[in-house]
Amino acid sequence: MFGFLKNGKKGLSEEEKRAMTLPRTKKVQFEPLPLARVENELNTDISAVLSYAPANYYASKENYLLCVFYFAEDYGEIYMQFENRVDDALKGKSKMWKIDKTLFRDILRKFGQQIQI
């Protein structure tokens, strides 16, 4: 009867549906930036993510930009999405980008992590 009061769940894009089926995820934190700025920069040049400053989760966990990677075990398919987090609560999500394994490797190097591609 009061169906109009229910919160309608937004449909996921095709990229988001595909990313959710991939077997592995990895999360890294960056210093907080507005999601609109992140989307504008990455739509212009996806390698702009390399200019973002890494954040120490334990030092700045009240406000940070979480980057979530969804990827296949052979790194053949990698998706990246940003989430704005305040006190560990989700405050907004960016769109999802498909990236190559070289950019994925370079992002992880900023955090001292190595992968073999």
N, C-alpha and C. Protein backbone atom coordinates (compact mmCIF):
# COMPACT_ATOMS: atom_id res chain seq x y z
N MET A 1 0.80 -1.19 0.00
CA MET A 1 0.00 0.00 0.00
C MET A 1 0.86 1.26 0.00
N PHE A 2 1.90 1.27 0.80
CA PHE A 2 2.78 2.44 0.86
C PHE A 2 4.09 2.16 0.16
N GLY A 3 4.01 1.57 -1.01
CA GLY A 3 5.20 1.23 -1.78
C GLY A 3 6.02 2.43 -2.18
N PHE A 4 5.38 3.60 -2.28
CA PHE A 4 6.12 4.79 -2.68
C PHE A 4 7.07 5.26 -1.58
N LEU A 5 6.91 4.77 -0.35
CA LEU A 5 7.79 5.16 0.75
C LEU A 5 9.07 4.33 0.80
N LYS A 6 9.08 3.22 0.08
CA LYS A 6 10.26 2.37 0.09
C LYS A 6 11.40 3.04 -0.64
N ASN A 7 12.59 2.86 -0.12
CA ASN A 7 13.77 3.38 -0.81
C ASN A 7 14.07 2.48 -1.99
N GLY A 8 14.00 3.03 -3.17
CA GLY A 8 14.31 2.26 -4.37
C GLY A 8 15.81 2.08 -4.50
N LYS A 9 16.24 0.86 -4.76
CA LYS A 9 17.66 0.59 -4.92
C LYS A 9 18.05 0.91 -6.35
N LYS A 10 19.10 1.68 -6.49
CA LYS A 10 19.57 2.03 -7.83
C LYS A 10 20.14 0.80 -8.51
N GLY A 11 19.90 0.72 -9.78
CA GLY A 11 20.44 -0.39 -10.55
C GLY A 11 21.94 -0.25 -10.75
N LEU A 12 22.63 -1.36 -10.79
CA LEU A 12 24.07 -1.34 -11.00
C LEU A 12 24.37 -1.27 -12.49
N SER A 13 25.46 -0.60 -12.82
CA SER A 13 25.88 -0.55 -14.22
C SER A 13 26.45 -1.91 -14.62
N GLU A 14 26.64 -2.10 -15.90
CA GLU A 14 27.20 -3.36 -16.40
C GLU A 14 28.61 -3.59 -15.84
N GLU A 15 29.40 -2.52 -15.76
CA GLU A 15 30.76 -2.66 -15.21
C GLU A 15 30.71 -3.08 -13.75
N GLU A 16 29.80 -2.50 -12.97
CA GLU A 16 29.69 -2.86 -11.56
C GLU A 16 29.25 -4.31 -11.39
N LYS A 17 28.30 -4.74 -12.22
CA LYS A 17 27.86 -6.14 -12.15
C LYS A 17 29.01 -7.09 -12.47
N ARG A 18 29.77 -6.76 -13.51
CA ARG A 18 30.90 -7.61 -13.90
C ARG A 18 31.97 -7.61 -12.81
N ALA A 19 32.26 -6.44 -12.24
CA ALA A 19 33.29 -6.34 -11.21
C ALA A 19 32.93 -7.17 -9.98
N MET A 20 31.66 -7.20 -9.62
CA MET A 20 31.23 -7.95 -8.44
C MET A 20 31.41 -9.46 -8.63
N THR A 21 31.51 -9.91 -9.86
CA THR A 21 31.68 -11.35 -10.10
C THR A 21 33.15 -11.76 -10.08
N LEU A 22 34.06 -10.79 -10.10
CA LEU A 22 35.49 -11.13 -10.11
C LEU A 22 35.91 -11.65 -8.73
N PRO A 23 36.85 -12.60 -8.70
CA PRO A 23 37.14 -13.31 -7.45
C PRO A 23 37.96 -12.55 -6.41
N ARG A 24 38.69 -11.51 -6.79
CA ARG A 24 39.60 -10.88 -5.83
C ARG A 24 39.33 -9.39 -5.71
N THR A 25 39.62 -8.86 -4.50
CA THR A 25 39.51 -7.42 -4.27
C THR A 25 40.73 -6.96 -3.48
N LYS A 26 41.03 -5.69 -3.60
CA LYS A 26 42.10 -5.06 -2.83
C LYS A 26 41.65 -3.64 -2.56
N LYS A 27 41.98 -3.14 -1.36
CA LYS A 27 41.59 -1.79 -0.97
C LYS A 27 42.82 -1.01 -0.53
N VAL A 28 42.88 0.26 -0.97
CA VAL A 28 43.94 1.17 -0.54
C VAL A 28 43.29 2.52 -0.22
N GLN A 29 43.94 3.29 0.64
CA GLN A 29 43.38 4.56 1.09
C GLN A 29 44.23 5.73 0.59
N PHE A 30 43.52 6.78 0.16
CA PHE A 30 44.15 8.02 -0.25
C PHE A 30 43.66 9.15 0.65
N GLU A 31 44.41 10.26 0.65
CA GLU A 31 43.96 11.45 1.36
C GLU A 31 42.62 11.88 0.77
N PRO A 32 41.74 12.46 1.60
CA PRO A 32 40.39 12.78 1.10
C PRO A 32 40.39 13.84 0.00
N LEU A 33 39.60 13.58 -1.01
CA LEU A 33 39.36 14.50 -2.12
C LEU A 33 37.87 14.43 -2.45
N PRO A 34 37.30 15.52 -2.97
CA PRO A 34 35.89 15.45 -3.40
C PRO A 34 35.72 14.47 -4.56
N LEU A 35 34.67 13.66 -4.51
CA LEU A 35 34.44 12.66 -5.55
C LEU A 35 34.24 13.30 -6.92
N ALA A 36 33.63 14.47 -6.97
CA ALA A 36 33.43 15.15 -8.26
C ALA A 36 34.78 15.48 -8.90
N ARG A 37 35.72 15.92 -8.10
CA ARG A 37 37.06 16.23 -8.62
C ARG A 37 37.75 14.96 -9.11
N VAL A 38 37.64 13.90 -8.33
CA VAL A 38 38.26 12.62 -8.71
C VAL A 38 37.69 12.15 -10.05
N GLU A 39 36.38 12.18 -10.20
CA GLU A 39 35.76 11.73 -11.45
C GLU A 39 36.18 12.59 -12.63
N ASN A 40 36.23 13.91 -12.44
CA ASN A 40 36.66 14.79 -13.54
C ASN A 40 38.09 14.50 -13.96
N GLU A 41 38.98 14.36 -12.98
CA GLU A 41 40.39 14.11 -13.31
C GLU A 41 40.58 12.76 -13.98
N LEU A 42 39.91 11.73 -13.48
CA LEU A 42 40.10 10.39 -14.04
C LEU A 42 39.40 10.22 -15.38
N ASN A 43 38.33 10.96 -15.62
CA ASN A 43 37.71 10.92 -16.95
C ASN A 43 38.61 11.57 -17.98
N THR A 44 39.38 12.57 -17.56
CA THR A 44 40.32 13.23 -18.46
C THR A 44 41.56 12.37 -18.68
N ASP A 45 42.16 11.90 -17.57
CA ASP A 45 43.38 11.10 -17.66
C ASP A 45 43.37 10.10 -16.51
N ILE A 46 43.22 8.83 -16.81
CA ILE A 46 43.12 7.80 -15.77
C ILE A 46 44.38 7.70 -14.92
N SER A 47 45.53 8.08 -15.48
CA SER A 47 46.78 8.00 -14.71
C SER A 47 46.90 9.13 -13.69
N ALA A 48 45.91 10.03 -13.61
CA ALA A 48 45.92 11.08 -12.59
C ALA A 48 45.85 10.49 -11.19
N VAL A 49 45.39 9.25 -11.08
CA VAL A 49 45.34 8.60 -9.77
C VAL A 49 46.73 8.48 -9.15
N LEU A 50 47.76 8.46 -9.97
CA LEU A 50 49.12 8.36 -9.45
C LEU A 50 49.56 9.63 -8.73
N SER A 51 48.85 10.73 -8.92
CA SER A 51 49.20 11.97 -8.24
C SER A 51 48.53 12.10 -6.88
N TYR A 52 47.63 11.20 -6.53
CA TYR A 52 46.95 11.26 -5.24
C TYR A 52 47.87 10.77 -4.13
N ALA A 53 47.76 11.40 -2.98
CA ALA A 53 48.63 11.06 -1.85
C ALA A 53 48.05 9.89 -1.06
N PRO A 54 48.88 8.87 -0.80
CA PRO A 54 48.42 7.76 0.03
C PRO A 54 48.13 8.22 1.45
N ALA A 55 47.19 7.57 2.11
CA ALA A 55 46.85 7.91 3.48
C ALA A 55 47.11 6.71 4.37
N ASN A 56 47.54 6.98 5.58
CA ASN A 56 47.67 5.95 6.59
C ASN A 56 46.30 5.79 7.24
N TYR A 57 45.70 4.64 7.08
CA TYR A 57 44.34 4.41 7.60
C TYR A 57 44.26 4.70 9.09
N TYR A 58 45.23 4.26 9.86
CA TYR A 58 45.15 4.41 11.31
C TYR A 58 45.34 5.85 11.75
N ALA A 59 46.00 6.67 10.94
CA ALA A 59 46.20 8.07 11.30
C ALA A 59 45.03 8.95 10.86
N SER A 60 44.37 8.57 9.78
CA SER A 60 43.31 9.44 9.24
C SER A 60 42.02 8.67 8.96
N LYS A 61 41.63 7.77 9.85
CA LYS A 61 40.46 6.95 9.55
C LYS A 61 39.13 7.68 9.70
N GLU A 62 39.13 8.93 10.19
CA GLU A 62 37.86 9.64 10.27
C GLU A 62 37.44 10.23 8.93
N ASN A 63 38.37 10.39 7.98
CA ASN A 63 38.02 10.91 6.66
C ASN A 63 39.10 10.48 5.66
N TYR A 64 38.72 9.68 4.67
CA TYR A 64 39.67 9.23 3.66
C TYR A 64 38.94 8.82 2.40
N LEU A 65 39.70 8.66 1.34
CA LEU A 65 39.18 8.22 0.05
C LEU A 65 39.63 6.77 -0.15
N LEU A 66 38.69 5.86 -0.15
CA LEU A 66 38.99 4.44 -0.29
C LEU A 66 38.93 4.06 -1.77
N CYS A 67 39.97 3.40 -2.24
CA CYS A 67 40.00 2.92 -3.61
C CYS A 67 39.88 1.40 -3.56
N VAL A 68 38.85 0.88 -4.20
CA VAL A 68 38.59 -0.56 -4.20
C VAL A 68 38.87 -1.10 -5.60
N PHE A 69 39.69 -2.14 -5.66
CA PHE A 69 40.00 -2.80 -6.92
C PHE A 69 39.31 -4.16 -6.94
N TYR A 70 38.69 -4.49 -8.04
CA TYR A 70 38.12 -5.81 -8.29
C TYR A 70 38.90 -6.39 -9.46
N PHE A 71 39.45 -7.60 -9.29
CA PHE A 71 40.29 -8.12 -10.37
C PHE A 71 40.28 -9.63 -10.43
N ALA A 72 40.63 -10.13 -11.62
CA ALA A 72 40.78 -11.56 -11.84
C ALA A 72 42.16 -11.99 -11.36
N GLU A 73 42.32 -13.26 -11.10
CA GLU A 73 43.58 -13.75 -10.54
C GLU A 73 44.76 -13.56 -11.48
N ASP A 74 44.52 -13.53 -12.78
CA ASP A 74 45.62 -13.33 -13.73
C ASP A 74 45.79 -11.85 -14.10
N TYR A 75 45.09 -10.95 -13.41
CA TYR A 75 45.12 -9.50 -13.65
C TYR A 75 44.68 -9.14 -15.07
N GLY A 76 43.94 -10.01 -15.71
CA GLY A 76 43.48 -9.74 -17.06
C GLY A 76 42.34 -8.74 -17.11
N GLU A 77 41.63 -8.60 -16.01
CA GLU A 77 40.50 -7.69 -15.93
C GLU A 77 40.54 -7.02 -14.56
N ILE A 78 40.66 -5.69 -14.54
CA ILE A 78 40.77 -4.95 -13.29
C ILE A 78 39.83 -3.75 -13.34
N TYR A 79 39.03 -3.59 -12.30
CA TYR A 79 38.13 -2.45 -12.17
C TYR A 79 38.51 -1.68 -10.91
N MET A 80 38.34 -0.34 -10.96
CA MET A 80 38.70 0.52 -9.84
C MET A 80 37.51 1.44 -9.54
N GLN A 81 37.22 1.60 -8.24
CA GLN A 81 36.13 2.48 -7.82
C GLN A 81 36.55 3.19 -6.54
N PHE A 82 36.16 4.45 -6.40
CA PHE A 82 36.50 5.23 -5.21
C PHE A 82 35.27 5.40 -4.34
N GLU A 83 35.51 5.40 -3.02
CA GLU A 83 34.45 5.62 -2.04
C GLU A 83 34.91 6.68 -1.06
N ASN A 84 34.05 7.64 -0.77
CA ASN A 84 34.35 8.64 0.24
C ASN A 84 33.90 8.08 1.58
N ARG A 85 34.82 7.97 2.53
CA ARG A 85 34.52 7.39 3.84
C ARG A 85 34.74 8.44 4.93
N VAL A 86 33.76 8.57 5.81
CA VAL A 86 33.86 9.43 6.98
C VAL A 86 33.50 8.58 8.19
N ASP A 87 34.42 8.45 9.13
CA ASP A 87 34.25 7.57 10.29
C ASP A 87 33.87 6.16 9.85
N ASP A 88 34.52 5.69 8.82
CA ASP A 88 34.33 4.35 8.24
C ASP A 88 32.94 4.13 7.63
N ALA A 89 32.13 5.17 7.56
CA ALA A 89 30.81 5.04 6.93
C ALA A 89 30.89 5.54 5.49
N LEU A 90 30.24 4.84 4.61
CA LEU A 90 30.22 5.21 3.19
C LEU A 90 29.40 6.48 2.99
N LYS A 91 30.02 7.50 2.40
CA LYS A 91 29.33 8.77 2.15
C LYS A 91 29.14 9.05 0.66
N GLY A 92 29.68 8.23 -0.20
CA GLY A 92 29.50 8.40 -1.63
C GLY A 92 30.43 7.50 -2.41
N LYS A 93 30.01 7.16 -3.64
CA LYS A 93 30.81 6.30 -4.52
C LYS A 93 30.99 6.98 -5.86
N SER A 94 32.13 6.72 -6.46
CA SER A 94 32.38 7.21 -7.82
C SER A 94 31.90 6.15 -8.81
N LYS A 95 31.99 6.47 -10.07
CA LYS A 95 31.73 5.46 -11.09
C LYS A 95 32.90 4.48 -11.10
N MET A 96 32.79 3.45 -11.88
CA MET A 96 33.83 2.43 -11.94
C MET A 96 34.61 2.56 -13.24
N TRP A 97 35.93 2.40 -13.14
CA TRP A 97 36.80 2.46 -14.31
C TRP A 97 37.49 1.13 -14.50
N LYS A 98 37.65 0.73 -15.75
CA LYS A 98 38.45 -0.44 -16.07
C LYS A 98 39.86 0.05 -16.33
N ILE A 99 40.84 -0.56 -15.65
CA ILE A 99 42.23 -0.13 -15.80
C ILE A 99 43.08 -1.31 -16.24
N ASP A 100 44.28 -1.02 -16.70
CA ASP A 100 45.19 -2.09 -17.11
C ASP A 100 46.10 -2.48 -15.95
N LYS A 101 46.77 -3.62 -16.10
CA LYS A 101 47.57 -4.14 -15.00
C LYS A 101 48.81 -3.30 -14.72
N THR A 102 49.31 -2.56 -15.70
CA THR A 102 50.47 -1.69 -15.46
C THR A 102 50.10 -0.55 -14.52
N LEU A 103 48.96 0.07 -14.73
CA LEU A 103 48.51 1.14 -13.83
C LEU A 103 48.21 0.57 -12.45
N PHE A 104 47.61 -0.60 -12.39
CA PHE A 104 47.34 -1.26 -11.11
C PHE A 104 48.64 -1.48 -10.34
N ARG A 105 49.65 -1.98 -11.04
CA ARG A 105 50.95 -2.21 -10.42
C ARG A 105 51.54 -0.90 -9.89
N ASP A 106 51.46 0.17 -10.69
CA ASP A 106 52.02 1.46 -10.30
C ASP A 106 51.30 2.06 -9.09
N ILE A 107 49.99 1.88 -9.01
CA ILE A 107 49.24 2.37 -7.85
C ILE A 107 49.67 1.62 -6.60
N LEU A 108 49.78 0.31 -6.69
CA LEU A 108 50.16 -0.48 -5.52
C LEU A 108 51.59 -0.18 -5.09
N ARG A 109 52.46 0.18 -6.01
CA ARG A 109 53.83 0.55 -5.65
C ARG A 109 53.87 1.77 -4.74
N LYS A 110 52.90 2.68 -4.90
CA LYS A 110 52.83 3.85 -4.02
C LYS A 110 52.62 3.44 -2.57
N PHE A 111 52.06 2.26 -2.37
CA PHE A 111 51.78 1.76 -1.03
C PHE A 111 52.79 0.70 -0.59
N GLY A 112 53.87 0.54 -1.36
CA GLY A 112 54.90 -0.42 -1.01
C GLY A 112 54.53 -1.86 -1.29
N GLN A 113 53.58 -2.08 -2.17
CA GLN A 113 53.14 -3.44 -2.50
C GLN A 113 53.59 -3.77 -3.91
N GLN A 114 54.08 -4.98 -4.09
CA GLN A 114 54.56 -5.43 -5.40
C GLN A 114 53.69 -6.57 -5.91
N ILE A 115 53.40 -6.54 -7.19
CA ILE A 115 52.73 -7.67 -7.84
C ILE A 115 53.53 -8.05 -9.07
N GLN A 116 53.49 -9.30 -9.42
CA GLN A 116 54.17 -9.79 -10.62
C GLN A 116 53.15 -9.84 -11.75
N ILE A 117 53.42 -9.05 -12.80
CA ILE A 117 52.49 -9.06 -13.94
C ILE A 117 53.14 -9.67 -15.16
